[in-house]
Amino acid sequence: MVSRYYKEDRYDLVVIETFTHKGQARSRSHKVGSAMVVKNGYMLFIPPGLAVSGRVMMVPEKSTLSEIDVLEAYQSAADEHGL
């Protein structure tokens, strides 16, 4: 079966963390999953065991990794940190 979805139909799910460092307001982003366009909306992929709360931003995907590669990267990072 040939997929009818293109790279433009894939998104990264990002949570923005705001904090202060030496009196300056700063922010950093954390990728918490990915999403893709399906017939009636979006399908979200959030790795098991990852608790996400607050505002989640969906931005066009910048990674060339496939979904399986991303999930394996999350799993190896979790294993490395003992989670």
PDB file of N, CA and C in Angstrom:
ATOM      1  N   MET A   1       0.846  -1.179   0.000  1.00  0.00           N
ATOM      2  CA  MET A   1       0.000   0.000   0.000  1.00  0.00           C
ATOM      3  C   MET A   1       0.890   1.241   0.000  1.00  0.00           C
ATOM      4  N   VAL A   2       0.608   2.167  -0.848  1.00  0.00           N
ATOM      5  CA  VAL A   2       1.375   3.402  -0.950  1.00  0.00           C
ATOM      6  C   VAL A   2       0.717   4.452  -0.062  1.00  0.00           C
ATOM      7  N   SER A   3       1.536   5.090   0.782  1.00  0.00           N
ATOM      8  CA  SER A   3       1.015   6.124   1.668  1.00  0.00           C
ATOM      9  C   SER A   3       0.692   7.380   0.874  1.00  0.00           C
ATOM     10  N   ARG A   4      -0.405   8.017   1.196  1.00  0.00           N
ATOM     11  CA  ARG A   4      -0.755   9.259   0.524  1.00  0.00           C
ATOM     12  C   ARG A   4      -0.366  10.468   1.364  1.00  0.00           C
ATOM     13  N   TYR A   5       0.357  10.218   2.461  1.00  0.00           N
ATOM     14  CA  TYR A   5       0.787  11.297   3.338  1.00  0.00           C
ATOM     15  C   TYR A   5       2.193  11.729   2.981  1.00  0.00           C
ATOM     16  N   TYR A   6       2.450  12.986   3.114  1.00  0.00           N
ATOM     17  CA  TYR A   6       3.742  13.551   2.776  1.00  0.00           C
ATOM     18  C   TYR A   6       4.381  14.138   4.021  1.00  0.00           C
ATOM     19  N   LYS A   7       5.646  14.520   3.927  1.00  0.00           N
ATOM     20  CA  LYS A   7       6.351  15.100   5.059  1.00  0.00           C
ATOM     21  C   LYS A   7       5.595  16.308   5.618  1.00  0.00           C
ATOM     22  N   GLU A   8       4.924  17.073   4.751  1.00  0.00           N
ATOM     23  CA  GLU A   8       4.195  18.252   5.210  1.00  0.00           C
ATOM     24  C   GLU A   8       3.023  17.869   6.115  1.00  0.00           C
ATOM     25  N   ASP A   9       2.610  16.604   6.078  1.00  0.00           N
ATOM     26  CA  ASP A   9       1.492  16.144   6.894  1.00  0.00           C
ATOM     27  C   ASP A   9       1.943  15.621   8.249  1.00  0.00           C
ATOM     28  N   ARG A  10       3.227  15.757   8.577  1.00  0.00           N
ATOM     29  CA  ARG A  10       3.755  15.257   9.846  1.00  0.00           C
ATOM     30  C   ARG A  10       4.200  16.437  10.707  1.00  0.00           C
ATOM     31  N   TYR A  11       3.985  16.299  12.015  1.00  0.00           N
ATOM     32  CA  TYR A  11       4.264  17.391  12.939  1.00  0.00           C
ATOM     33  C   TYR A  11       5.008  16.876  14.164  1.00  0.00           C
ATOM     34  N   ASP A  12       5.757  17.768  14.804  1.00  0.00           N
ATOM     35  CA  ASP A  12       6.365  17.496  16.099  1.00  0.00           C
ATOM     36  C   ASP A  12       5.467  18.118  17.157  1.00  0.00           C
ATOM     37  N   LEU A  13       5.302  17.422  18.281  1.00  0.00           N
ATOM     38  CA  LEU A  13       4.583  17.970  19.423  1.00  0.00           C
ATOM     39  C   LEU A  13       5.625  18.522  20.383  1.00  0.00           C
ATOM     40  N   VAL A  14       5.497  19.787  20.727  1.00  0.00           N
ATOM     41  CA  VAL A  14       6.515  20.477  21.506  1.00  0.00           C
ATOM     42  C   VAL A  14       5.865  21.162  22.701  1.00  0.00           C
ATOM     43  N   VAL A  15       6.522  21.055  23.867  1.00  0.00           N
ATOM     44  CA  VAL A  15       6.114  21.779  25.062  1.00  0.00           C
ATOM     45  C   VAL A  15       7.185  22.825  25.331  1.00  0.00           C
ATOM     46  N   ILE A  16       6.773  24.055  25.578  1.00  0.00           N
ATOM     47  CA  ILE A  16       7.707  25.143  25.851  1.00  0.00           C
ATOM     48  C   ILE A  16       7.807  25.330  27.360  1.00  0.00           C
ATOM     49  N   GLU A  17       9.024  25.287  27.874  1.00  0.00           N
ATOM     50  CA  GLU A  17       9.288  25.503  29.299  1.00  0.00           C
ATOM     51  C   GLU A  17       9.846  26.914  29.456  1.00  0.00           C
ATOM     52  N   THR A  18       9.235  27.704  30.333  1.00  0.00           N
ATOM     53  CA  THR A  18       9.761  29.038  30.614  1.00  0.00           C
ATOM     54  C   THR A  18      10.383  29.032  32.000  1.00  0.00           C
ATOM     55  N   PHE A  19      11.497  29.723  32.141  1.00  0.00           N
ATOM     56  CA  PHE A  19      12.211  29.774  33.413  1.00  0.00           C
ATOM     57  C   PHE A  19      13.022  31.062  33.467  1.00  0.00           C
ATOM     58  N   THR A  20      13.551  31.369  34.648  1.00  0.00           N
ATOM     59  CA  THR A  20      14.435  32.523  34.778  1.00  0.00           C
ATOM     60  C   THR A  20      15.827  32.038  35.131  1.00  0.00           C
ATOM     61  N   HIS A  21      16.806  32.680  34.532  1.00  0.00           N
ATOM     62  CA  HIS A  21      18.208  32.357  34.795  1.00  0.00           C
ATOM     63  C   HIS A  21      18.945  33.674  34.993  1.00  0.00           C
ATOM     64  N   LYS A  22      19.473  33.849  36.200  1.00  0.00           N
ATOM     65  CA  LYS A  22      20.180  35.091  36.549  1.00  0.00           C
ATOM     66  C   LYS A  22      19.315  36.321  36.271  1.00  0.00           C
ATOM     67  N   GLY A  23      18.041  36.201  36.636  1.00  0.00           N
ATOM     68  CA  GLY A  23      17.117  37.313  36.491  1.00  0.00           C
ATOM     69  C   GLY A  23      16.550  37.524  35.093  1.00  0.00           C
ATOM     70  N   GLN A  24      16.972  36.728  34.131  1.00  0.00           N
ATOM     71  CA  GLN A  24      16.471  36.855  32.762  1.00  0.00           C
ATOM     72  C   GLN A  24      15.446  35.773  32.469  1.00  0.00           C
ATOM     73  N   ALA A  25      14.351  36.174  31.844  1.00  0.00           N
ATOM     74  CA  ALA A  25      13.334  35.202  31.433  1.00  0.00           C
ATOM     75  C   ALA A  25      13.839  34.467  30.199  1.00  0.00           C
ATOM     76  N   ARG A  26      13.779  33.149  30.248  1.00  0.00           N
ATOM     77  CA  ARG A  26      14.226  32.323  29.125  1.00  0.00           C
ATOM     78  C   ARG A  26      13.196  31.232  28.871  1.00  0.00           C
ATOM     79  N   SER A  27      13.342  30.582  27.730  1.00  0.00           N
ATOM     80  CA  SER A  27      12.467  29.451  27.418  1.00  0.00           C
ATOM     81  C   SER A  27      13.244  28.431  26.609  1.00  0.00           C
ATOM     82  N   ARG A  28      12.775  27.196  26.694  1.00  0.00           N
ATOM     83  CA  ARG A  28      13.353  26.125  25.873  1.00  0.00           C
ATOM     84  C   ARG A  28      12.228  25.181  25.492  1.00  0.00           C
ATOM     85  N   SER A  29      12.425  24.505  24.381  1.00  0.00           N
ATOM     86  CA  SER A  29      11.384  23.597  23.907  1.00  0.00           C
ATOM     87  C   SER A  29      11.817  22.152  24.096  1.00  0.00           C
ATOM     88  N   HIS A  30      10.827  21.300  24.335  1.00  0.00           N
ATOM     89  CA  HIS A  30      11.050  19.864  24.497  1.00  0.00           C
ATOM     90  C   HIS A  30      10.097  19.131  23.559  1.00  0.00           C
ATOM     91  N   LYS A  31      10.635  18.282  22.709  1.00  0.00           N
ATOM     92  CA  LYS A  31       9.777  17.471  21.837  1.00  0.00           C
ATOM     93  C   LYS A  31       9.186  16.347  22.677  1.00  0.00           C
ATOM     94  N   VAL A  32       7.864  16.239  22.668  1.00  0.00           N
ATOM     95  CA  VAL A  32       7.189  15.232  23.482  1.00  0.00           C
ATOM     96  C   VAL A  32       6.475  14.182  22.642  1.00  0.00           C
ATOM     97  N   GLY A  33       6.522  14.298  21.333  1.00  0.00           N
ATOM     98  CA  GLY A  33       5.874  13.318  20.473  1.00  0.00           C
ATOM     99  C   GLY A  33       5.774  13.838  19.055  1.00  0.00           C
ATOM    100  N   SER A  34       4.911  13.203  18.291  1.00  0.00           N
ATOM    101  CA  SER A  34       4.704  13.620  16.908  1.00  0.00           C
ATOM    102  C   SER A  34       3.243  13.408  16.544  1.00  0.00           C
ATOM    103  N   ALA A  35       2.867  13.943  15.407  1.00  0.00           N
ATOM    104  CA  ALA A  35       1.485  13.820  14.942  1.00  0.00           C
ATOM    105  C   ALA A  35       1.492  13.712  13.428  1.00  0.00           C
ATOM    106  N   MET A  36       0.418  13.155  12.912  1.00  0.00           N
ATOM    107  CA  MET A  36       0.264  13.089  11.462  1.00  0.00           C
ATOM    108  C   MET A  36      -1.201  13.297  11.111  1.00  0.00           C
ATOM    109  N   VAL A  37      -1.424  13.747   9.907  1.00  0.00           N
ATOM    110  CA  VAL A  37      -2.774  13.997   9.416  1.00  0.00           C
ATOM    111  C   VAL A  37      -3.408  12.667   9.028  1.00  0.00           C
ATOM    112  N   VAL A  38      -4.636  12.454   9.476  1.00  0.00           N
ATOM    113  CA  VAL A  38      -5.427  11.299   9.052  1.00  0.00           C
ATOM    114  C   VAL A  38      -6.732  11.834   8.460  1.00  0.00           C
ATOM    115  N   LYS A  39      -7.554  10.948   7.999  1.00  0.00           N
ATOM    116  CA  LYS A  39      -8.756  11.341   7.255  1.00  0.00           C
ATOM    117  C   LYS A  39      -9.620  12.372   7.995  1.00  0.00           C
ATOM    118  N   ASN A  40      -9.886  12.152   9.273  1.00  0.00           N
ATOM    119  CA  ASN A  40     -10.806  13.025  10.001  1.00  0.00           C
ATOM    120  C   ASN A  40     -10.136  13.874  11.069  1.00  0.00           C
ATOM    121  N   GLY A  41      -8.842  14.079  10.988  1.00  0.00           N
ATOM    122  CA  GLY A  41      -8.173  14.891  11.998  1.00  0.00           C
ATOM    123  C   GLY A  41      -6.688  14.595  12.075  1.00  0.00           C
ATOM    124  N   TYR A  42      -6.212  14.379  13.295  1.00  0.00           N
ATOM    125  CA  TYR A  42      -4.796  14.112  13.536  1.00  0.00           C
ATOM    126  C   TYR A  42      -4.639  12.875  14.404  1.00  0.00           C
ATOM    127  N   MET A  43      -3.549  12.152  14.219  1.00  0.00           N
ATOM    128  CA  MET A  43      -3.192  11.040  15.090  1.00  0.00           C
ATOM    129  C   MET A  43      -1.927  11.465  15.829  1.00  0.00           C
ATOM    130  N   LEU A  44      -1.980  11.414  17.164  1.00  0.00           N
ATOM    131  CA  LEU A  44      -0.847  11.826  17.990  1.00  0.00           C
ATOM    132  C   LEU A  44      -0.084  10.609  18.475  1.00  0.00           C
ATOM    133  N   PHE A  45       1.238  10.706  18.459  1.00  0.00           N
ATOM    134  CA  PHE A  45       2.108   9.654  18.970  1.00  0.00           C
ATOM    135  C   PHE A  45       2.884  10.222  20.150  1.00  0.00           C
ATOM    136  N   ILE A  46       2.520   9.801  21.359  1.00  0.00           N
ATOM    137  CA  ILE A  46       3.233  10.206  22.571  1.00  0.00           C
ATOM    138  C   ILE A  46       3.766   8.930  23.197  1.00  0.00           C
ATOM    139  N   PRO A  47       5.078   8.859  23.449  1.00  0.00           N
ATOM    140  CA  PRO A  47       5.671   7.628  23.973  1.00  0.00           C
ATOM    141  C   PRO A  47       5.030   7.202  25.295  1.00  0.00           C
ATOM    142  N   PRO A  48       4.882   5.884  25.521  1.00  0.00           N
ATOM    143  CA  PRO A  48       4.321   5.386  26.775  1.00  0.00           C
ATOM    144  C   PRO A  48       5.150   5.868  27.963  1.00  0.00           C
ATOM    145  N   GLY A  49       4.463   6.216  29.042  1.00  0.00           N
ATOM    146  CA  GLY A  49       5.142   6.630  30.263  1.00  0.00           C
ATOM    147  C   GLY A  49       5.480   8.108  30.315  1.00  0.00           C
ATOM    148  N   LEU A  50       5.225   8.847  29.255  1.00  0.00           N
ATOM    149  CA  LEU A  50       5.530  10.274  29.224  1.00  0.00           C
ATOM    150  C   LEU A  50       4.272  11.039  29.609  1.00  0.00           C
ATOM    151  N   ALA A  51       4.343  11.769  30.723  1.00  0.00           N
ATOM    152  CA  ALA A  51       3.208  12.575  31.165  1.00  0.00           C
ATOM    153  C   ALA A  51       3.348  13.972  30.573  1.00  0.00           C
ATOM    154  N   VAL A  52       2.332  14.410  29.865  1.00  0.00           N
ATOM    155  CA  VAL A  52       2.365  15.719  29.222  1.00  0.00           C
ATOM    156  C   VAL A  52       1.205  16.539  29.757  1.00  0.00           C
ATOM    157  N   SER A  53       1.506  17.763  30.203  1.00  0.00           N
ATOM    158  CA  SER A  53       0.445  18.655  30.658  1.00  0.00           C
ATOM    159  C   SER A  53       0.780  20.072  30.210  1.00  0.00           C
ATOM    160  N   GLY A  54      -0.206  20.940  30.275  1.00  0.00           N
ATOM    161  CA  GLY A  54       0.008  22.314  29.844  1.00  0.00           C
ATOM    162  C   GLY A  54      -0.266  22.474  28.363  1.00  0.00           C
ATOM    163  N   ARG A  55       0.328  23.487  27.794  1.00  0.00           N
ATOM    164  CA  ARG A  55       0.118  23.776  26.374  1.00  0.00           C
ATOM    165  C   ARG A  55       1.088  22.975  25.525  1.00  0.00           C
ATOM    166  N   VAL A  56       0.562  22.341  24.505  1.00  0.00           N
ATOM    167  CA  VAL A  56       1.374  21.558  23.570  1.00  0.00           C
ATOM    168  C   VAL A  56       1.240  22.220  22.198  1.00  0.00           C
ATOM    169  N   MET A  57       2.376  22.487  21.584  1.00  0.00           N
ATOM    170  CA  MET A  57       2.381  23.126  20.273  1.00  0.00           C
ATOM    171  C   MET A  57       2.678  22.077  19.208  1.00  0.00           C
ATOM    172  N   MET A  58       1.958  22.136  18.105  1.00  0.00           N
ATOM    173  CA  MET A  58       2.176  21.217  16.991  1.00  0.00           C
ATOM    174  C   MET A  58       2.820  22.017  15.864  1.00  0.00           C
ATOM    175  N   VAL A  59       4.069  21.661  15.531  1.00  0.00           N
ATOM    176  CA  VAL A  59       4.823  22.391  14.507  1.00  0.00           C
ATOM    177  C   VAL A  59       5.218  21.428  13.393  1.00  0.00           C
ATOM    178  N   PRO A  60       5.416  21.905  12.174  1.00  0.00           N
ATOM    179  CA  PRO A  60       5.840  21.011  11.086  1.00  0.00           C
ATOM    180  C   PRO A  60       7.116  20.263  11.456  1.00  0.00           C
ATOM    181  N   GLU A  61       7.155  18.990  11.114  1.00  0.00           N
ATOM    182  CA  GLU A  61       8.282  18.129  11.474  1.00  0.00           C
ATOM    183  C   GLU A  61       9.563  18.603  10.797  1.00  0.00           C
ATOM    184  N   LYS A  62      10.661  18.596  11.575  1.00  0.00           N
ATOM    185  CA  LYS A  62      11.960  18.975  11.036  1.00  0.00           C
ATOM    186  C   LYS A  62      12.895  17.786  10.966  1.00  0.00           C
ATOM    187  N   SER A  63      12.542  16.705  11.609  1.00  0.00           N
ATOM    188  CA  SER A  63      13.399  15.523  11.670  1.00  0.00           C
ATOM    189  C   SER A  63      13.212  14.650  10.439  1.00  0.00           C
ATOM    190  N   THR A  64      14.279  13.977  10.048  1.00  0.00           N
ATOM    191  CA  THR A  64      14.180  13.024   8.946  1.00  0.00           C
ATOM    192  C   THR A  64      13.976  11.606   9.470  1.00  0.00           C
ATOM    193  N   LEU A  65      13.855  11.459  10.795  1.00  0.00           N
ATOM    194  CA  LEU A  65      13.655  10.142  11.390  1.00  0.00           C
ATOM    195  C   LEU A  65      12.226   9.669  11.154  1.00  0.00           C
ATOM    196  N   SER A  66      12.069   8.365  10.987  1.00  0.00           N
ATOM    197  CA  SER A  66      10.727   7.799  10.887  1.00  0.00           C
ATOM    198  C   SER A  66      10.145   7.686  12.298  1.00  0.00           C
ATOM    199  N   GLU A  67       8.868   7.389  12.380  1.00  0.00           N
ATOM    200  CA  GLU A  67       8.213   7.266  13.690  1.00  0.00           C
ATOM    201  C   GLU A  67       8.866   6.182  14.535  1.00  0.00           C
ATOM    202  N   ILE A  68       9.221   5.072  13.935  1.00  0.00           N
ATOM    203  CA  ILE A  68       9.862   3.979  14.672  1.00  0.00           C
ATOM    204  C   ILE A  68      11.225   4.420  15.190  1.00  0.00           C
ATOM    205  N   ASP A  69      11.990   5.150  14.376  1.00  0.00           N
ATOM    206  CA  ASP A  69      13.289   5.657  14.815  1.00  0.00           C
ATOM    207  C   ASP A  69      13.141   6.600  16.001  1.00  0.00           C
ATOM    208  N   VAL A  70      12.129   7.463  15.959  1.00  0.00           N
ATOM    209  CA  VAL A  70      11.897   8.396  17.055  1.00  0.00           C
ATOM    210  C   VAL A  70      11.542   7.635  18.325  1.00  0.00           C
ATOM    211  N   LEU A  71      10.643   6.642  18.215  1.00  0.00           N
ATOM    212  CA  LEU A  71      10.261   5.861  19.392  1.00  0.00           C
ATOM    213  C   LEU A  71      11.448   5.089  19.955  1.00  0.00           C
ATOM    214  N   GLU A  72      12.298   4.542  19.096  1.00  0.00           N
ATOM    215  CA  GLU A  72      13.491   3.841  19.572  1.00  0.00           C
ATOM    216  C   GLU A  72      14.452   4.804  20.252  1.00  0.00           C
ATOM    217  N   ALA A  73      14.569   6.016  19.742  1.00  0.00           N
ATOM    218  CA  ALA A  73      15.430   7.019  20.372  1.00  0.00           C
ATOM    219  C   ALA A  73      14.900   7.387  21.755  1.00  0.00           C
ATOM    220  N   TYR A  74      13.578   7.549  21.888  1.00  0.00           N
ATOM    221  CA  TYR A  74      12.985   7.822  23.196  1.00  0.00           C
ATOM    222  C   TYR A  74      13.248   6.663  24.152  1.00  0.00           C
ATOM    223  N   GLN A  75      13.071   5.430  23.668  1.00  0.00           N
ATOM    224  CA  GLN A  75      13.258   4.258  24.520  1.00  0.00           C
ATOM    225  C   GLN A  75      14.702   4.152  24.992  1.00  0.00           C
ATOM    226  N   SER A  76      15.668   4.363  24.097  1.00  0.00           N
ATOM    227  CA  SER A  76      17.064   4.253  24.513  1.00  0.00           C
ATOM    228  C   SER A  76      17.438   5.383  25.466  1.00  0.00           C
ATOM    229  N   ALA A  77      16.854   6.567  25.286  1.00  0.00           N
ATOM    230  CA  ALA A  77      17.111   7.656  26.231  1.00  0.00           C
ATOM    231  C   ALA A  77      16.517   7.325  27.596  1.00  0.00           C
ATOM    232  N   ALA A  78      15.320   6.743  27.613  1.00  0.00           N
ATOM    233  CA  ALA A  78      14.696   6.352  28.881  1.00  0.00           C
ATOM    234  C   ALA A  78      15.512   5.263  29.566  1.00  0.00           C
ATOM    235  N   ASP A  79      15.997   4.288  28.808  1.00  0.00           N
ATOM    236  CA  ASP A  79      16.832   3.230  29.382  1.00  0.00           C
ATOM    237  C   ASP A  79      18.121   3.798  29.956  1.00  0.00           C
ATOM    238  N   GLU A  80      18.710   4.749  29.245  1.00  0.00           N
ATOM    239  CA  GLU A  80      19.967   5.345  29.689  1.00  0.00           C
ATOM    240  C   GLU A  80      19.802   6.097  31.007  1.00  0.00           C
ATOM    241  N   HIS A  81      18.633   6.702  31.200  1.00  0.00           N
ATOM    242  CA  HIS A  81      18.377   7.463  32.418  1.00  0.00           C
ATOM    243  C   HIS A  81      17.627   6.650  33.476  1.00  0.00           C
ATOM    244  N   GLY A  82      17.423   5.373  33.227  1.00  0.00           N
ATOM    245  CA  GLY A  82      16.787   4.503  34.209  1.00  0.00           C
ATOM    246  C   GLY A  82      15.310   4.757  34.407  1.00  0.00           C
ATOM    247  N   LEU A  83      14.627   5.202  33.383  1.00  0.00           N
ATOM    248  CA  LEU A  83      13.183   5.470  33.507  1.00  0.00           C
ATOM    249  C   LEU A  83      12.368   4.312  33.000  1.00  0.00           C
TER     250      LEU A  83
END
